[in-house]
Protein backbone atom coordinates (compact mmCIF):
# COMPACT_ATOMS: atom_id res chain seq x y z
CA UNK A 1 -70.81 -13.65 89.42
CA UNK A 2 -74.11 -14.93 88.38
CA UNK A 3 -75.89 -11.55 88.59
CA UNK A 4 -72.93 -10.14 86.66
CA UNK A 5 -73.54 -12.65 83.82
CA UNK A 6 -77.43 -11.75 83.77
CA UNK A 7 -76.81 -8.18 83.52
CA UNK A 8 -74.17 -8.88 80.82
CA UNK A 9 -76.86 -10.76 78.81
CA UNK A 10 -79.37 -7.70 79.32
CA UNK A 11 -76.85 -5.27 78.00
CA UNK A 12 -76.23 -7.57 74.89
CA UNK A 13 -80.17 -7.91 74.49
CA UNK A 14 -80.34 -3.96 74.79
CA UNK A 15 -77.39 -3.05 72.35
CA UNK A 16 -78.81 -5.39 69.81
CA UNK A 17 -82.23 -4.02 70.04
CA UNK A 18 -80.77 -0.49 69.94
CA UNK A 19 -78.99 -1.27 66.68
CA UNK A 20 -81.79 -3.16 65.16
CA UNK A 21 -82.54 -2.32 61.61
CA UNK A 22 -86.36 -1.98 61.21
CA UNK A 23 -86.57 -0.81 57.55
CA UNK A 24 -84.20 -0.01 54.85
CA UNK A 25 -84.16 1.45 51.26
CA UNK A 26 -80.93 2.11 49.08
CA UNK A 27 -81.37 4.81 46.43
CA UNK A 28 -78.53 4.71 43.25
CA UNK A 29 -78.18 8.17 42.07
CA UNK A 30 -75.46 8.55 39.57
CA UNK A 31 -72.07 7.59 41.18
CA UNK A 32 -73.70 8.13 44.78
CA UNK A 33 -75.80 5.48 46.77
CA UNK A 34 -78.00 6.68 49.61
CA UNK A 35 -79.02 4.65 52.27
CA UNK A 36 -82.31 5.29 54.09
CA UNK A 37 -82.33 2.99 57.23
CA UNK A 38 -85.03 3.27 60.05
CA UNK A 39 -83.66 1.85 63.36
CA UNK A 40 -84.87 1.51 66.99
CA UNK A 41 -83.54 3.13 70.14
CA UNK A 42 -83.32 1.17 73.54
CA UNK A 43 -86.74 2.39 74.24
CA UNK A 44 -88.05 1.27 70.93
CA UNK A 45 -88.39 4.57 69.34
CA UNK A 46 -87.54 4.75 65.54
CA UNK A 47 -85.02 7.14 64.06
CA UNK A 48 -83.65 7.45 60.42
CA UNK A 49 -80.10 7.46 59.29
CA UNK A 50 -79.12 8.72 55.90
CA UNK A 51 -75.98 7.65 54.54
CA UNK A 52 -74.52 8.76 51.46
CA UNK A 53 -71.89 6.62 49.85
CA UNK A 54 -69.39 7.04 47.06
CA UNK A 55 -66.66 4.72 45.94
CA UNK A 56 -63.15 6.35 45.68
CA UNK A 57 -60.23 4.90 43.73
CA UNK A 58 -56.69 5.34 44.82
CA UNK A 59 -53.90 5.60 42.66
CA UNK A 60 -53.02 2.14 43.04
CA UNK A 61 -56.26 0.77 41.72
CA UNK A 62 -57.76 0.00 45.05
CA UNK A 63 -60.90 1.49 46.14
CA UNK A 64 -62.74 2.38 49.33
CA UNK A 65 -66.26 3.95 50.06
CA UNK A 66 -66.37 7.38 51.38
CA UNK A 67 -69.36 7.79 53.64
CA UNK A 68 -71.28 10.45 55.12
CA UNK A 69 -74.26 9.91 57.67
CA UNK A 70 -76.86 11.97 59.21
CA UNK A 71 -79.11 10.87 62.13
CA UNK A 72 -82.40 12.23 62.14
CA UNK A 73 -84.75 11.74 65.02
CA UNK A 74 -88.63 11.72 64.90
CA UNK A 75 -89.02 15.33 66.86
CA UNK A 76 -86.97 16.78 63.91
CA UNK A 77 -88.85 14.75 60.93
CA UNK A 78 -91.38 17.70 60.40
CA UNK A 79 -89.13 20.63 60.39
CA UNK A 80 -86.28 18.59 58.22
CA UNK A 81 -89.18 17.63 55.81
CA UNK A 82 -90.41 21.14 55.70
CA UNK A 83 -86.97 22.57 54.90
CA UNK A 84 -86.03 19.83 52.28
CA UNK A 85 -89.13 20.55 50.62
CA UNK A 86 -88.69 24.41 50.73
CA UNK A 87 -85.39 24.08 49.10
CA UNK A 88 -86.27 21.46 46.42
CA UNK A 89 -88.95 23.47 45.54
CA UNK A 90 -86.65 26.70 45.36
CA UNK A 91 -84.48 24.68 43.00
CA UNK A 92 -86.87 23.32 40.76
CA UNK A 93 -88.48 26.74 40.48
CA UNK A 94 -85.62 29.07 40.18
CA UNK A 95 -83.05 26.68 38.06
CA UNK A 96 -81.67 28.96 35.34
CA UNK A 97 -82.62 27.68 31.92
CA UNK A 98 -79.84 26.52 30.10
CA UNK A 99 -79.44 27.94 26.62
CA UNK A 100 -76.68 27.05 23.99
CA UNK A 101 -74.08 29.23 25.57
CA UNK A 102 -74.35 27.58 28.98
CA UNK A 103 -73.98 24.08 28.00
CA UNK A 104 -70.19 23.96 28.26
CA UNK A 105 -70.03 23.85 32.09
CA UNK A 106 -72.25 20.74 31.98
CA UNK A 107 -70.02 19.04 29.23
CA UNK A 108 -66.89 19.88 31.04
CA UNK A 109 -68.15 18.12 34.11
CA UNK A 110 -69.07 14.95 31.66
CA UNK A 111 -65.53 15.12 30.50
CA UNK A 112 -63.96 14.92 33.89
CA UNK A 113 -66.21 12.06 34.65
CA UNK A 114 -65.14 10.40 31.09
CA UNK A 115 -61.53 10.94 32.20
CA UNK A 116 -61.90 9.49 35.38
CA UNK A 117 -63.48 6.32 33.87
CA UNK A 118 -60.80 6.16 31.47
CA UNK A 119 -57.91 6.43 34.11
CA UNK A 120 -59.77 3.77 36.13
CA UNK A 121 -59.87 1.26 33.05
CA UNK A 122 -56.06 2.25 32.85
CA UNK A 123 -55.51 0.96 36.16
CA UNK A 124 -57.38 -2.05 35.80
CA UNK A 125 -55.73 -3.02 32.36
CA UNK A 126 -52.31 -3.04 33.78
CA UNK A 127 -53.33 -6.30 35.48
CA UNK A 128 -54.06 -8.07 32.23
CA UNK A 129 -51.54 -9.63 30.21
CA UNK A 130 -51.67 -9.44 26.36
CA UNK A 131 -51.70 -13.03 24.53
CA UNK A 132 -51.19 -13.77 21.16
CA UNK A 133 -52.39 -17.20 19.79
CA UNK A 134 -50.76 -18.71 16.56
CA UNK A 135 -53.14 -19.56 13.54
CA UNK A 136 -53.75 -23.36 14.18
CA UNK A 137 -55.96 -23.75 11.22
CA UNK A 138 -53.25 -25.16 8.96
């Protein structure tokens, strides 16, 4: 039994090392937060996890975080960075210039976001009680 305990201790040590966070960076971008986490494998090789997190509200006012995660290993860093750089460069160089006629679409998105915020405020307002006070100055 003693050998079993020893192996169990080694497995716990390896698992904690496997999940060890080396470095972390959170980036808030509008309604989303991106987490860039450097972690270590069992062989002490670093890898990157990119997590997108967005707060979602239910109709009852409760919320949860919707998360999407990408695991990126060091052998893919260069190709990933090249692809990302190329696509971002394309967008920056080819994004149509907005004229007065095209401003309706972004405005519609902003109105949708404002409606969502107002709906959230209504949900939270239901939890408060309106209280009126008598004038005590007499």
